[in-house]
Amino acid sequence: MPNLVTKCPSCSKLMKITSITCADCNIKLEGSFELPPLLALPEDDLQFVMNFFKVQGAIKEMEKLYGVSYPTIKNRWAQIAKALKMEIAETHGATRMQILEALSRGEITADEAAKRLKEI
């Protein structure tokens, strides 16, 4: 089955669903239905969300899958949440585990890690 076309091939604006049909009994509903927000995402963002579910939300697995760092995954997630007009919980600074992981990956120095840990 082909993917649902979500953007107009002519003007690139979001398409609306105007009818849906039951595959079993052939009942058809007509009207103007909005696309679910997830389906309005660009294909690469939708794939990112699907991959996130596949790895059960394990950011370490997402880092491996995309070959990027923890902050990059978090930033991408925040961008997608913004596109979905969702408010995400703001964290005030990094957690101890995030700091230690950044240190182990060589993203920050031991002095920087110590400084950040003291700030928590």
N, C-alpha and C. Protein backbone atom coordinates (compact mmCIF):
# COMPACT_ATOMS: atom_id res chain seq x y z
N MET A 1 0.85 -1.18 0.00
CA MET A 1 0.00 0.00 0.00
C MET A 1 0.89 1.24 0.00
N PRO A 2 0.62 2.20 -0.88
CA PRO A 2 1.44 3.42 -0.93
C PRO A 2 1.24 4.29 0.31
N ASN A 3 2.26 5.11 0.59
CA ASN A 3 2.17 6.04 1.71
C ASN A 3 1.11 7.09 1.45
N LEU A 4 0.52 7.60 2.51
CA LEU A 4 -0.47 8.66 2.41
C LEU A 4 0.21 9.94 1.95
N VAL A 5 -0.34 10.58 0.95
CA VAL A 5 0.19 11.86 0.48
C VAL A 5 -0.33 12.93 1.42
N THR A 6 0.58 13.66 2.06
CA THR A 6 0.17 14.65 3.05
C THR A 6 0.32 16.08 2.55
N LYS A 7 1.14 16.28 1.52
CA LYS A 7 1.35 17.63 0.97
C LYS A 7 0.94 17.67 -0.48
N CYS A 8 0.36 18.77 -0.87
CA CYS A 8 -0.10 18.95 -2.25
C CYS A 8 1.11 18.94 -3.19
N PRO A 9 1.05 18.13 -4.24
CA PRO A 9 2.17 18.09 -5.19
C PRO A 9 2.31 19.39 -5.98
N SER A 10 1.28 20.22 -5.98
CA SER A 10 1.33 21.46 -6.74
C SER A 10 1.85 22.63 -5.91
N CYS A 11 1.26 22.84 -4.71
CA CYS A 11 1.62 24.02 -3.92
C CYS A 11 2.33 23.69 -2.60
N SER A 12 2.46 22.41 -2.26
CA SER A 12 3.15 21.92 -1.06
C SER A 12 2.43 22.21 0.25
N LYS A 13 1.18 22.67 0.20
CA LYS A 13 0.43 22.87 1.43
C LYS A 13 -0.14 21.53 1.90
N LEU A 14 -0.49 21.47 3.20
CA LEU A 14 -1.04 20.23 3.75
C LEU A 14 -2.36 19.87 3.09
N MET A 15 -2.51 18.59 2.79
CA MET A 15 -3.75 18.09 2.20
C MET A 15 -4.76 17.85 3.32
N LYS A 16 -6.04 17.82 2.99
CA LYS A 16 -7.10 17.45 3.92
C LYS A 16 -7.69 16.15 3.44
N ILE A 17 -8.12 15.35 4.37
CA ILE A 17 -8.80 14.10 4.03
C ILE A 17 -10.27 14.45 3.86
N THR A 18 -10.85 14.03 2.74
CA THR A 18 -12.25 14.38 2.47
C THR A 18 -13.18 13.18 2.53
N SER A 19 -12.62 11.97 2.53
CA SER A 19 -13.48 10.79 2.70
C SER A 19 -12.66 9.64 3.26
N ILE A 20 -13.32 8.80 4.02
CA ILE A 20 -12.72 7.58 4.54
C ILE A 20 -13.72 6.45 4.34
N THR A 21 -13.20 5.26 4.08
CA THR A 21 -14.05 4.12 3.77
C THR A 21 -13.63 2.92 4.60
N CYS A 22 -14.60 2.19 5.12
CA CYS A 22 -14.33 0.95 5.85
C CYS A 22 -13.98 -0.14 4.83
N ALA A 23 -12.85 -0.79 5.02
CA ALA A 23 -12.42 -1.84 4.10
C ALA A 23 -13.31 -3.07 4.16
N ASP A 24 -13.99 -3.31 5.30
CA ASP A 24 -14.82 -4.50 5.44
C ASP A 24 -16.24 -4.31 4.91
N CYS A 25 -16.93 -3.28 5.35
CA CYS A 25 -18.35 -3.14 4.98
C CYS A 25 -18.59 -2.05 3.94
N ASN A 26 -17.53 -1.35 3.55
CA ASN A 26 -17.59 -0.35 2.50
C ASN A 26 -18.39 0.92 2.86
N ILE A 27 -18.64 1.14 4.16
CA ILE A 27 -19.28 2.40 4.57
C ILE A 27 -18.29 3.52 4.31
N LYS A 28 -18.80 4.64 3.80
CA LYS A 28 -17.94 5.76 3.45
C LYS A 28 -18.42 7.02 4.18
N LEU A 29 -17.47 7.73 4.79
CA LEU A 29 -17.75 9.01 5.43
C LEU A 29 -17.09 10.10 4.60
N GLU A 30 -17.84 11.16 4.35
CA GLU A 30 -17.28 12.29 3.61
C GLU A 30 -17.36 13.54 4.46
N GLY A 31 -16.39 14.40 4.31
CA GLY A 31 -16.31 15.63 5.07
C GLY A 31 -14.94 16.24 4.87
N SER A 32 -14.52 17.05 5.81
CA SER A 32 -13.19 17.63 5.77
C SER A 32 -12.51 17.29 7.08
N PHE A 33 -11.56 16.38 7.02
CA PHE A 33 -10.88 15.89 8.22
C PHE A 33 -9.44 16.38 8.22
N GLU A 34 -8.98 16.81 9.37
CA GLU A 34 -7.58 17.23 9.51
C GLU A 34 -6.69 15.99 9.57
N LEU A 35 -5.49 16.13 9.04
CA LEU A 35 -4.50 15.07 9.19
C LEU A 35 -4.06 15.01 10.65
N PRO A 36 -3.82 13.82 11.19
CA PRO A 36 -3.23 13.76 12.52
C PRO A 36 -1.88 14.47 12.51
N PRO A 37 -1.52 15.16 13.59
CA PRO A 37 -0.28 15.94 13.61
C PRO A 37 0.96 15.15 13.21
N LEU A 38 1.06 13.90 13.64
CA LEU A 38 2.25 13.11 13.28
C LEU A 38 2.37 12.94 11.77
N LEU A 39 1.25 12.76 11.10
CA LEU A 39 1.30 12.56 9.65
C LEU A 39 1.66 13.83 8.89
N ALA A 40 1.55 14.96 9.56
CA ALA A 40 1.91 16.22 8.92
C ALA A 40 3.41 16.49 9.01
N LEU A 41 4.15 15.67 9.77
CA LEU A 41 5.60 15.84 9.88
C LEU A 41 6.28 15.47 8.56
N PRO A 42 7.41 16.10 8.28
CA PRO A 42 8.20 15.65 7.13
C PRO A 42 8.61 14.18 7.33
N GLU A 43 8.83 13.48 6.24
CA GLU A 43 9.13 12.04 6.29
C GLU A 43 10.30 11.71 7.20
N ASP A 44 11.37 12.51 7.18
CA ASP A 44 12.54 12.21 8.01
C ASP A 44 12.24 12.37 9.50
N ASP A 45 11.40 13.34 9.86
CA ASP A 45 11.01 13.50 11.26
C ASP A 45 10.09 12.35 11.70
N LEU A 46 9.19 11.94 10.84
CA LEU A 46 8.31 10.81 11.15
C LEU A 46 9.14 9.54 11.34
N GLN A 47 10.16 9.34 10.51
CA GLN A 47 11.03 8.18 10.66
C GLN A 47 11.81 8.25 11.98
N PHE A 48 12.23 9.45 12.37
CA PHE A 48 12.92 9.63 13.64
C PHE A 48 12.02 9.20 14.80
N VAL A 49 10.75 9.62 14.77
CA VAL A 49 9.80 9.25 15.82
C VAL A 49 9.60 7.73 15.83
N MET A 50 9.45 7.13 14.65
CA MET A 50 9.28 5.68 14.56
C MET A 50 10.50 4.95 15.13
N ASN A 51 11.69 5.43 14.80
CA ASN A 51 12.90 4.81 15.34
C ASN A 51 12.98 4.95 16.85
N PHE A 52 12.53 6.09 17.37
CA PHE A 52 12.52 6.30 18.81
C PHE A 52 11.65 5.25 19.50
N PHE A 53 10.50 4.96 18.89
CA PHE A 53 9.63 3.92 19.45
C PHE A 53 10.26 2.55 19.31
N LYS A 54 10.92 2.28 18.18
CA LYS A 54 11.57 0.98 17.97
C LYS A 54 12.60 0.67 19.04
N VAL A 55 13.33 1.71 19.48
CA VAL A 55 14.36 1.50 20.51
C VAL A 55 13.81 1.77 21.90
N GLN A 56 12.49 1.87 22.00
CA GLN A 56 11.79 2.07 23.27
C GLN A 56 12.28 3.30 24.03
N GLY A 57 12.60 4.35 23.28
CA GLY A 57 12.99 5.61 23.90
C GLY A 57 14.41 5.66 24.43
N ALA A 58 15.21 4.67 24.09
CA ALA A 58 16.60 4.63 24.58
C ALA A 58 17.45 5.59 23.76
N ILE A 59 17.80 6.70 24.37
CA ILE A 59 18.56 7.71 23.65
C ILE A 59 19.93 7.18 23.24
N LYS A 60 20.53 6.32 24.05
CA LYS A 60 21.82 5.73 23.68
C LYS A 60 21.71 4.95 22.37
N GLU A 61 20.59 4.25 22.20
CA GLU A 61 20.38 3.50 20.95
C GLU A 61 20.16 4.45 19.78
N MET A 62 19.48 5.57 20.04
CA MET A 62 19.29 6.57 18.98
C MET A 62 20.64 7.19 18.59
N GLU A 63 21.51 7.41 19.58
CA GLU A 63 22.84 7.94 19.30
C GLU A 63 23.58 7.00 18.36
N LYS A 64 23.51 5.70 18.65
CA LYS A 64 24.18 4.70 17.81
C LYS A 64 23.56 4.67 16.41
N LEU A 65 22.24 4.66 16.36
CA LEU A 65 21.53 4.55 15.09
C LEU A 65 21.85 5.73 14.16
N TYR A 66 21.89 6.94 14.73
CA TYR A 66 22.12 8.13 13.91
C TYR A 66 23.57 8.59 13.90
N GLY A 67 24.40 8.00 14.76
CA GLY A 67 25.81 8.37 14.81
C GLY A 67 26.04 9.79 15.29
N VAL A 68 25.21 10.23 16.23
CA VAL A 68 25.33 11.59 16.76
C VAL A 68 25.32 11.55 18.29
N SER A 69 25.57 12.70 18.91
CA SER A 69 25.66 12.79 20.35
C SER A 69 24.29 12.96 21.01
N TYR A 70 24.29 12.78 22.33
CA TYR A 70 23.07 12.94 23.14
C TYR A 70 22.40 14.29 22.91
N PRO A 71 23.15 15.40 22.99
CA PRO A 71 22.50 16.70 22.78
C PRO A 71 21.85 16.82 21.39
N THR A 72 22.45 16.21 20.39
CA THR A 72 21.88 16.27 19.04
C THR A 72 20.54 15.56 18.99
N ILE A 73 20.45 14.40 19.63
CA ILE A 73 19.18 13.66 19.69
C ILE A 73 18.15 14.48 20.45
N LYS A 74 18.53 15.04 21.58
CA LYS A 74 17.59 15.84 22.38
C LYS A 74 17.11 17.06 21.60
N ASN A 75 18.01 17.72 20.88
CA ASN A 75 17.63 18.89 20.08
C ASN A 75 16.66 18.51 18.97
N ARG A 76 16.92 17.38 18.32
CA ARG A 76 16.02 16.92 17.25
C ARG A 76 14.64 16.63 17.83
N TRP A 77 14.62 15.97 18.98
CA TRP A 77 13.34 15.65 19.64
C TRP A 77 12.59 16.95 19.97
N ALA A 78 13.32 17.95 20.47
CA ALA A 78 12.69 19.23 20.81
C ALA A 78 12.14 19.92 19.57
N GLN A 79 12.86 19.83 18.45
CA GLN A 79 12.38 20.44 17.20
C GLN A 79 11.10 19.76 16.72
N ILE A 80 11.04 18.44 16.84
CA ILE A 80 9.84 17.71 16.43
C ILE A 80 8.68 18.06 17.35
N ALA A 81 8.94 18.14 18.64
CA ALA A 81 7.88 18.51 19.60
C ALA A 81 7.36 19.91 19.28
N LYS A 82 8.24 20.80 18.91
CA LYS A 82 7.83 22.17 18.54
C LYS A 82 6.96 22.14 17.29
N ALA A 83 7.36 21.33 16.30
CA ALA A 83 6.58 21.21 15.06
C ALA A 83 5.19 20.64 15.35
N LEU A 84 5.08 19.80 16.37
CA LEU A 84 3.79 19.22 16.76
C LEU A 84 3.02 20.13 17.71
N LYS A 85 3.61 21.30 18.00
CA LYS A 85 3.03 22.27 18.93
C LYS A 85 2.79 21.66 20.30
N MET A 86 3.77 20.87 20.74
CA MET A 86 3.72 20.24 22.05
C MET A 86 4.66 20.96 22.99
N GLU A 87 4.23 21.07 24.22
CA GLU A 87 5.12 21.61 25.24
C GLU A 87 5.85 20.44 25.87
N ILE A 88 7.18 20.54 25.90
CA ILE A 88 7.95 19.48 26.55
C ILE A 88 8.48 20.02 27.87
N ALA A 89 8.62 19.13 28.81
CA ALA A 89 9.10 19.52 30.13
C ALA A 89 10.51 20.06 30.00
N GLU A 90 10.72 21.23 30.56
CA GLU A 90 12.05 21.82 30.56
C GLU A 90 12.85 21.21 31.71
N THR A 91 14.07 20.81 31.40
CA THR A 91 14.94 20.33 32.45
C THR A 91 15.91 21.46 32.77
N HIS A 92 16.14 21.66 34.01
CA HIS A 92 17.05 22.73 34.43
C HIS A 92 18.45 22.15 34.53
N GLY A 93 19.19 22.25 33.45
CA GLY A 93 20.53 21.72 33.42
C GLY A 93 20.53 20.22 33.18
N ALA A 94 21.72 19.70 33.00
CA ALA A 94 21.87 18.27 32.74
C ALA A 94 21.81 17.47 34.03
N THR A 95 21.42 16.22 33.92
CA THR A 95 21.43 15.34 35.09
C THR A 95 22.85 14.83 35.30
N ARG A 96 23.09 14.27 36.44
CA ARG A 96 24.41 13.71 36.73
C ARG A 96 24.81 12.69 35.67
N MET A 97 23.86 11.82 35.31
CA MET A 97 24.15 10.78 34.33
C MET A 97 24.51 11.38 32.98
N GLN A 98 23.81 12.42 32.57
CA GLN A 98 24.12 13.07 31.29
C GLN A 98 25.52 13.67 31.29
N ILE A 99 25.89 14.27 32.40
CA ILE A 99 27.22 14.86 32.52
C ILE A 99 28.29 13.78 32.45
N LEU A 100 28.07 12.69 33.18
CA LEU A 100 29.05 11.60 33.18
C LEU A 100 29.14 10.93 31.81
N GLU A 101 28.02 10.82 31.11
CA GLU A 101 28.05 10.24 29.77
C GLU A 101 28.81 11.15 28.80
N ALA A 102 28.60 12.46 28.91
CA ALA A 102 29.33 13.41 28.06
C ALA A 102 30.83 13.32 28.35
N LEU A 103 31.18 13.16 29.61
CA LEU A 103 32.58 13.00 30.00
C LEU A 103 33.17 11.73 29.41
N SER A 104 32.43 10.62 29.51
CA SER A 104 32.93 9.34 28.99
C SER A 104 33.09 9.35 27.48
N ARG A 105 32.28 10.14 26.79
CA ARG A 105 32.39 10.25 25.33
C ARG A 105 33.46 11.27 24.91
N GLY A 106 34.04 11.95 25.88
CA GLY A 106 35.07 12.92 25.56
C GLY A 106 34.53 14.26 25.08
N GLU A 107 33.24 14.50 25.30
CA GLU A 107 32.63 15.75 24.85
C GLU A 107 32.96 16.91 25.77
N ILE A 108 33.27 16.60 27.03
CA ILE A 108 33.67 17.62 28.00
C ILE A 108 34.87 17.11 28.78
N THR A 109 35.61 18.03 29.38
CA THR A 109 36.78 17.64 30.18
C THR A 109 36.35 17.27 31.59
N ALA A 110 37.27 16.67 32.33
CA ALA A 110 36.99 16.32 33.72
C ALA A 110 36.70 17.57 34.55
N ASP A 111 37.45 18.64 34.29
CA ASP A 111 37.22 19.89 35.01
C ASP A 111 35.81 20.44 34.72
N GLU A 112 35.40 20.40 33.45
CA GLU A 112 34.07 20.87 33.08
C GLU A 112 33.00 20.00 33.73
N ALA A 113 33.22 18.68 33.74
CA ALA A 113 32.25 17.77 34.38
C ALA A 113 32.12 18.08 35.86
N ALA A 114 33.27 18.29 36.53
CA ALA A 114 33.25 18.61 37.96
C ALA A 114 32.48 19.92 38.21
N LYS A 115 32.73 20.90 37.37
CA LYS A 115 32.04 22.18 37.50
C LYS A 115 30.52 22.00 37.35
N ARG A 116 30.12 21.26 36.32
CA ARG A 116 28.69 21.05 36.08
C ARG A 116 28.03 20.25 37.20
N LEU A 117 28.76 19.26 37.73
CA LEU A 117 28.21 18.45 38.84
C LEU A 117 28.00 19.30 40.08
N LYS A 118 28.90 20.24 40.32
CA LYS A 118 28.75 21.12 41.47
C LYS A 118 27.53 22.04 41.35
N GLU A 119 27.16 22.37 40.11
CA GLU A 119 26.04 23.26 39.86
C GLU A 119 24.68 22.59 40.10
N ILE A 120 24.67 21.27 40.12
CA ILE A 120 23.40 20.56 40.31
C ILE A 120 22.95 20.63 41.74
